[in-house]
Amino acid sequence: MDGEDPPFGFSDTADTWLPMPPDWSALTVEKQDGVPGSTLSLFRRAIELRHGRIDLGDGVQWQETPEGVLAFRGADGVTCVLNAGTRPVPLPDGELLIASEALLDGALPPDAAAWIR
């Protein structure tokens, strides 16, 4: 979507059921298109990766993690790690498919997620 003022092209009227703060103008497709590291780029890459996978499998296997970290492995061999802690955490061995933030010396920073194969 686009525009500088709410609702940023998501509606024909500014009278939406939830308010849209003016600073959300930086989050439109128009502003994030082609910007490395943007939320739009992250989701486009995730969809691209998912599109190429045939069998994601059934269920997940929870992994042992430090406090503040969640990790699970799907039947397809992809592990998802979410760091909700306050310090960077090492990632499991494997190929990094995608991460929501740049790694810090190979570790996942706080408030970030990564998918590893």
N, C-alpha and C. Protein backbone atom coordinates (compact mmCIF):
# COMPACT_ATOMS: atom_id res chain seq x y z
N MET A 1 0.84 -1.15 0.00
CA MET A 1 0.00 0.00 0.00
C MET A 1 0.91 1.24 0.00
N ASP A 2 0.30 2.40 -0.04
CA ASP A 2 1.10 3.60 -0.16
C ASP A 2 0.43 4.78 0.52
N GLY A 3 1.05 5.92 0.39
CA GLY A 3 0.49 7.14 0.95
C GLY A 3 1.26 7.64 2.16
N GLU A 4 1.09 8.91 2.42
CA GLU A 4 1.76 9.56 3.55
C GLU A 4 0.85 9.70 4.76
N ASP A 5 -0.45 9.57 4.55
CA ASP A 5 -1.42 9.78 5.64
C ASP A 5 -2.26 8.53 5.84
N PRO A 6 -2.71 8.30 7.10
CA PRO A 6 -3.59 7.17 7.36
C PRO A 6 -4.83 7.27 6.46
N PRO A 7 -5.27 6.18 5.91
CA PRO A 7 -4.96 4.77 6.16
C PRO A 7 -3.93 4.16 5.21
N PHE A 8 -3.11 4.96 4.57
CA PHE A 8 -1.98 4.47 3.78
C PHE A 8 -2.37 3.54 2.64
N GLY A 9 -3.55 3.73 2.08
CA GLY A 9 -4.02 2.93 0.95
C GLY A 9 -4.70 1.64 1.34
N PHE A 10 -4.84 1.34 2.63
CA PHE A 10 -5.50 0.11 3.06
C PHE A 10 -7.01 0.25 3.10
N SER A 11 -7.52 1.46 2.98
CA SER A 11 -8.96 1.71 3.03
C SER A 11 -9.27 2.95 2.20
N ASP A 12 -10.53 3.07 1.82
CA ASP A 12 -10.97 4.26 1.08
C ASP A 12 -11.28 5.42 1.99
N THR A 13 -11.33 5.17 3.29
CA THR A 13 -11.66 6.20 4.26
C THR A 13 -10.63 6.23 5.38
N ALA A 14 -10.38 7.39 5.93
CA ALA A 14 -9.47 7.51 7.06
C ALA A 14 -10.11 7.04 8.36
N ASP A 15 -11.43 6.81 8.34
CA ASP A 15 -12.19 6.39 9.51
C ASP A 15 -12.15 4.86 9.61
N THR A 16 -10.97 4.31 9.96
CA THR A 16 -10.81 2.86 10.08
C THR A 16 -11.21 2.39 11.47
N TRP A 17 -11.47 1.11 11.60
CA TRP A 17 -11.93 0.59 12.89
C TRP A 17 -10.84 0.61 13.95
N LEU A 18 -9.57 0.61 13.55
CA LEU A 18 -8.46 0.81 14.48
C LEU A 18 -7.66 2.01 13.99
N PRO A 19 -7.17 2.81 14.91
CA PRO A 19 -6.39 3.98 14.49
C PRO A 19 -5.05 3.55 13.88
N MET A 20 -4.56 4.34 12.95
CA MET A 20 -3.26 4.10 12.32
C MET A 20 -2.39 5.31 12.59
N PRO A 21 -1.36 5.14 13.42
CA PRO A 21 -0.48 6.27 13.73
C PRO A 21 0.20 6.81 12.47
N PRO A 22 0.38 8.12 12.41
CA PRO A 22 1.03 8.73 11.23
C PRO A 22 2.42 8.17 10.93
N ASP A 23 3.17 7.74 11.97
CA ASP A 23 4.52 7.24 11.70
C ASP A 23 4.51 5.87 11.02
N TRP A 24 3.34 5.26 10.84
CA TRP A 24 3.25 4.02 10.10
C TRP A 24 3.45 4.24 8.60
N SER A 25 3.54 5.48 8.16
CA SER A 25 3.75 5.74 6.73
C SER A 25 5.06 5.11 6.26
N ALA A 26 6.01 4.93 7.15
CA ALA A 26 7.29 4.31 6.78
C ALA A 26 7.16 2.80 6.58
N LEU A 27 6.00 2.24 6.93
CA LEU A 27 5.82 0.79 6.86
C LEU A 27 5.03 0.34 5.63
N THR A 28 4.73 1.23 4.72
CA THR A 28 3.95 0.86 3.55
C THR A 28 4.81 0.09 2.55
N VAL A 29 4.14 -0.64 1.67
CA VAL A 29 4.84 -1.37 0.61
C VAL A 29 5.66 -0.38 -0.22
N GLU A 30 5.07 0.75 -0.52
CA GLU A 30 5.75 1.77 -1.31
C GLU A 30 7.10 2.15 -0.70
N LYS A 31 7.16 2.32 0.61
CA LYS A 31 8.39 2.74 1.29
C LYS A 31 9.37 1.58 1.50
N GLN A 32 8.85 0.35 1.66
CA GLN A 32 9.73 -0.78 1.97
C GLN A 32 10.15 -1.59 0.75
N ASP A 33 9.51 -1.37 -0.38
CA ASP A 33 9.83 -2.13 -1.58
C ASP A 33 11.29 -1.91 -1.99
N GLY A 34 12.03 -3.01 -2.10
CA GLY A 34 13.43 -2.94 -2.50
C GLY A 34 14.40 -2.53 -1.41
N VAL A 35 13.93 -2.41 -0.17
CA VAL A 35 14.79 -2.00 0.94
C VAL A 35 15.26 -3.24 1.69
N PRO A 36 16.56 -3.57 1.57
CA PRO A 36 17.08 -4.74 2.29
C PRO A 36 16.86 -4.57 3.80
N GLY A 37 16.46 -5.65 4.47
CA GLY A 37 16.25 -5.60 5.91
C GLY A 37 14.86 -5.13 6.31
N SER A 38 14.03 -4.71 5.36
CA SER A 38 12.68 -4.27 5.71
C SER A 38 11.79 -5.47 6.02
N THR A 39 10.69 -5.23 6.71
CA THR A 39 9.73 -6.29 7.00
C THR A 39 9.19 -6.88 5.71
N LEU A 40 8.94 -6.04 4.72
CA LEU A 40 8.45 -6.52 3.43
C LEU A 40 9.46 -7.47 2.79
N SER A 41 10.73 -7.11 2.81
CA SER A 41 11.78 -7.98 2.25
C SER A 41 11.85 -9.31 2.99
N LEU A 42 11.74 -9.27 4.31
CA LEU A 42 11.77 -10.49 5.12
C LEU A 42 10.62 -11.41 4.72
N PHE A 43 9.41 -10.88 4.63
CA PHE A 43 8.26 -11.72 4.31
C PHE A 43 8.30 -12.22 2.87
N ARG A 44 8.77 -11.40 1.95
CA ARG A 44 8.89 -11.86 0.56
C ARG A 44 9.89 -13.01 0.47
N ARG A 45 11.00 -12.91 1.19
CA ARG A 45 12.00 -13.99 1.19
C ARG A 45 11.43 -15.25 1.84
N ALA A 46 10.69 -15.09 2.94
CA ALA A 46 10.09 -16.25 3.61
C ALA A 46 9.09 -16.95 2.69
N ILE A 47 8.29 -16.19 1.96
CA ILE A 47 7.33 -16.78 1.02
C ILE A 47 8.07 -17.49 -0.10
N GLU A 48 9.14 -16.89 -0.58
CA GLU A 48 9.95 -17.51 -1.63
C GLU A 48 10.53 -18.85 -1.15
N LEU A 49 11.06 -18.88 0.06
CA LEU A 49 11.61 -20.12 0.61
C LEU A 49 10.51 -21.17 0.79
N ARG A 50 9.37 -20.74 1.29
CA ARG A 50 8.26 -21.67 1.54
C ARG A 50 7.73 -22.24 0.23
N HIS A 51 7.66 -21.40 -0.78
CA HIS A 51 7.12 -21.83 -2.08
C HIS A 51 7.94 -22.98 -2.66
N GLY A 52 9.22 -22.99 -2.39
CA GLY A 52 10.09 -24.03 -2.92
C GLY A 52 10.06 -25.32 -2.13
N ARG A 53 9.35 -25.36 -1.01
CA ARG A 53 9.33 -26.56 -0.17
C ARG A 53 8.04 -27.32 -0.42
N ILE A 54 8.17 -28.62 -0.61
CA ILE A 54 7.00 -29.44 -0.91
C ILE A 54 6.36 -29.96 0.37
N ASP A 55 7.15 -30.59 1.23
CA ASP A 55 6.60 -31.23 2.42
C ASP A 55 7.15 -30.57 3.67
N LEU A 56 6.30 -29.84 4.38
CA LEU A 56 6.74 -29.23 5.63
C LEU A 56 6.56 -30.18 6.80
N GLY A 57 5.89 -31.29 6.59
CA GLY A 57 5.76 -32.30 7.62
C GLY A 57 4.67 -32.00 8.62
N ASP A 58 4.47 -32.95 9.53
CA ASP A 58 3.45 -32.83 10.57
C ASP A 58 4.13 -32.64 11.92
N GLY A 59 3.64 -31.67 12.67
CA GLY A 59 4.12 -31.48 14.02
C GLY A 59 5.50 -30.86 14.12
N VAL A 60 5.87 -30.59 15.35
CA VAL A 60 7.17 -29.99 15.64
C VAL A 60 7.81 -30.70 16.82
N GLN A 61 9.12 -30.56 16.92
CA GLN A 61 9.86 -31.12 18.04
C GLN A 61 10.52 -29.94 18.77
N TRP A 62 10.13 -29.70 20.01
CA TRP A 62 10.69 -28.59 20.78
C TRP A 62 12.13 -28.88 21.14
N GLN A 63 12.96 -27.86 21.08
CA GLN A 63 14.39 -27.99 21.35
C GLN A 63 14.72 -27.42 22.73
N GLU A 64 15.79 -27.92 23.33
CA GLU A 64 16.29 -27.38 24.59
C GLU A 64 16.89 -26.00 24.30
N THR A 65 16.53 -25.01 25.11
CA THR A 65 17.02 -23.65 24.89
C THR A 65 17.26 -22.95 26.22
N PRO A 66 18.08 -21.90 26.20
CA PRO A 66 18.23 -21.09 27.41
C PRO A 66 16.96 -20.31 27.69
N GLU A 67 16.85 -19.77 28.89
CA GLU A 67 15.69 -18.97 29.26
C GLU A 67 15.52 -17.81 28.29
N GLY A 68 14.28 -17.56 27.89
CA GLY A 68 13.98 -16.47 26.98
C GLY A 68 14.08 -16.82 25.51
N VAL A 69 14.39 -18.09 25.22
CA VAL A 69 14.55 -18.53 23.83
C VAL A 69 13.60 -19.71 23.58
N LEU A 70 12.92 -19.68 22.42
CA LEU A 70 12.09 -20.79 21.99
C LEU A 70 12.68 -21.32 20.70
N ALA A 71 12.69 -22.64 20.54
CA ALA A 71 13.16 -23.24 19.30
C ALA A 71 12.41 -24.53 19.06
N PHE A 72 12.06 -24.75 17.80
CA PHE A 72 11.43 -26.00 17.42
C PHE A 72 11.92 -26.41 16.04
N ARG A 73 11.90 -27.73 15.84
CA ARG A 73 12.33 -28.31 14.56
C ARG A 73 11.13 -28.98 13.93
N GLY A 74 10.87 -28.63 12.67
CA GLY A 74 9.78 -29.25 11.93
C GLY A 74 10.22 -30.58 11.34
N ALA A 75 9.26 -31.37 10.93
CA ALA A 75 9.55 -32.67 10.33
C ALA A 75 10.35 -32.52 9.03
N ASP A 76 10.34 -31.32 8.46
CA ASP A 76 11.08 -31.07 7.22
C ASP A 76 12.54 -30.74 7.48
N GLY A 77 12.94 -30.70 8.77
CA GLY A 77 14.33 -30.44 9.10
C GLY A 77 14.67 -28.98 9.32
N VAL A 78 13.70 -28.09 9.21
CA VAL A 78 13.94 -26.67 9.44
C VAL A 78 13.71 -26.36 10.91
N THR A 79 14.68 -25.66 11.51
CA THR A 79 14.57 -25.24 12.90
C THR A 79 14.30 -23.75 12.96
N CYS A 80 13.32 -23.37 13.77
CA CYS A 80 12.99 -21.96 14.00
C CYS A 80 13.43 -21.60 15.41
N VAL A 81 14.18 -20.51 15.53
CA VAL A 81 14.66 -20.03 16.83
C VAL A 81 14.16 -18.62 17.04
N LEU A 82 13.54 -18.37 18.17
CA LEU A 82 13.05 -17.05 18.54
C LEU A 82 13.76 -16.61 19.82
N ASN A 83 14.48 -15.50 19.75
CA ASN A 83 15.19 -14.99 20.92
C ASN A 83 14.38 -13.85 21.54
N ALA A 84 13.68 -14.15 22.61
CA ALA A 84 12.92 -13.14 23.35
C ALA A 84 13.67 -12.73 24.61
N GLY A 85 14.93 -13.13 24.69
CA GLY A 85 15.77 -12.80 25.84
C GLY A 85 16.44 -11.44 25.67
N THR A 86 17.42 -11.20 26.51
CA THR A 86 18.11 -9.90 26.52
C THR A 86 19.52 -9.95 25.96
N ARG A 87 20.02 -11.18 25.62
CA ARG A 87 21.38 -11.33 25.09
C ARG A 87 21.37 -12.15 23.81
N PRO A 88 22.33 -11.93 22.92
CA PRO A 88 22.43 -12.78 21.73
C PRO A 88 22.63 -14.24 22.13
N VAL A 89 22.09 -15.15 21.32
CA VAL A 89 22.23 -16.59 21.58
C VAL A 89 22.80 -17.27 20.34
N PRO A 90 23.64 -18.29 20.56
CA PRO A 90 24.18 -19.03 19.42
C PRO A 90 23.06 -19.79 18.71
N LEU A 91 23.21 -19.92 17.40
CA LEU A 91 22.24 -20.69 16.62
C LEU A 91 22.72 -22.13 16.47
N PRO A 92 21.79 -23.05 16.27
CA PRO A 92 22.21 -24.43 16.02
C PRO A 92 22.97 -24.52 14.69
N ASP A 93 23.74 -25.58 14.54
CA ASP A 93 24.47 -25.80 13.30
C ASP A 93 23.49 -25.92 12.14
N GLY A 94 23.92 -25.49 10.99
CA GLY A 94 23.11 -25.63 9.78
C GLY A 94 23.18 -24.38 8.93
N GLU A 95 22.46 -24.44 7.82
CA GLU A 95 22.41 -23.33 6.87
C GLU A 95 21.35 -22.32 7.31
N LEU A 96 21.76 -21.08 7.50
CA LEU A 96 20.81 -20.02 7.84
C LEU A 96 19.97 -19.71 6.61
N LEU A 97 18.67 -19.94 6.71
CA LEU A 97 17.77 -19.66 5.59
C LEU A 97 17.34 -18.20 5.58
N ILE A 98 16.98 -17.71 6.76
CA ILE A 98 16.47 -16.34 6.88
C ILE A 98 16.49 -15.93 8.34
N ALA A 99 16.70 -14.65 8.58
CA ALA A 99 16.68 -14.12 9.95
C ALA A 99 16.01 -12.75 9.92
N SER A 100 15.31 -12.43 10.98
CA SER A 100 14.61 -11.15 11.03
C SER A 100 15.53 -9.98 11.35
N GLU A 101 16.73 -10.27 11.86
CA GLU A 101 17.75 -9.26 12.16
C GLU A 101 19.12 -9.82 11.78
N ALA A 102 20.05 -8.94 11.55
CA ALA A 102 21.42 -9.38 11.26
C ALA A 102 22.01 -10.08 12.48
N LEU A 103 22.76 -11.15 12.23
CA LEU A 103 23.40 -11.87 13.33
C LEU A 103 24.53 -11.03 13.90
N LEU A 104 24.81 -11.23 15.18
CA LEU A 104 25.90 -10.54 15.88
C LEU A 104 26.98 -11.56 16.16
N ASP A 105 28.06 -11.53 15.39
CA ASP A 105 29.13 -12.52 15.50
C ASP A 105 28.58 -13.94 15.44
N GLY A 106 27.62 -14.17 14.55
CA GLY A 106 27.04 -15.50 14.36
C GLY A 106 25.93 -15.84 15.33
N ALA A 107 25.60 -14.95 16.26
CA ALA A 107 24.56 -15.21 17.26
C ALA A 107 23.29 -14.41 16.93
N LEU A 108 22.16 -14.95 17.33
CA LEU A 108 20.86 -14.31 17.11
C LEU A 108 20.64 -13.23 18.17
N PRO A 109 20.45 -11.97 17.74
CA PRO A 109 20.26 -10.91 18.73
C PRO A 109 18.89 -11.01 19.41
N PRO A 110 18.71 -10.29 20.51
CA PRO A 110 17.40 -10.26 21.17
C PRO A 110 16.32 -9.74 20.20
N ASP A 111 15.09 -10.16 20.46
CA ASP A 111 13.93 -9.73 19.67
C ASP A 111 14.08 -10.07 18.20
N ALA A 112 14.61 -11.24 17.91
CA ALA A 112 14.81 -11.68 16.54
C ALA A 112 14.49 -13.16 16.40
N ALA A 113 14.25 -13.57 15.16
CA ALA A 113 13.98 -14.97 14.86
C ALA A 113 14.83 -15.40 13.67
N ALA A 114 15.12 -16.70 13.61
CA ALA A 114 15.91 -17.24 12.50
C ALA A 114 15.40 -18.64 12.17
N TRP A 115 15.56 -18.99 10.90
CA TRP A 115 15.20 -20.31 10.42
C TRP A 115 16.43 -20.94 9.82
N ILE A 116 16.75 -22.17 10.29
CA ILE A 116 17.98 -22.85 9.91
C ILE A 116 17.62 -24.23 9.36
N ARG A 117 18.35 -24.64 8.31
CA ARG A 117 18.15 -25.99 7.76
C ARG A 117 19.43 -26.76 7.95
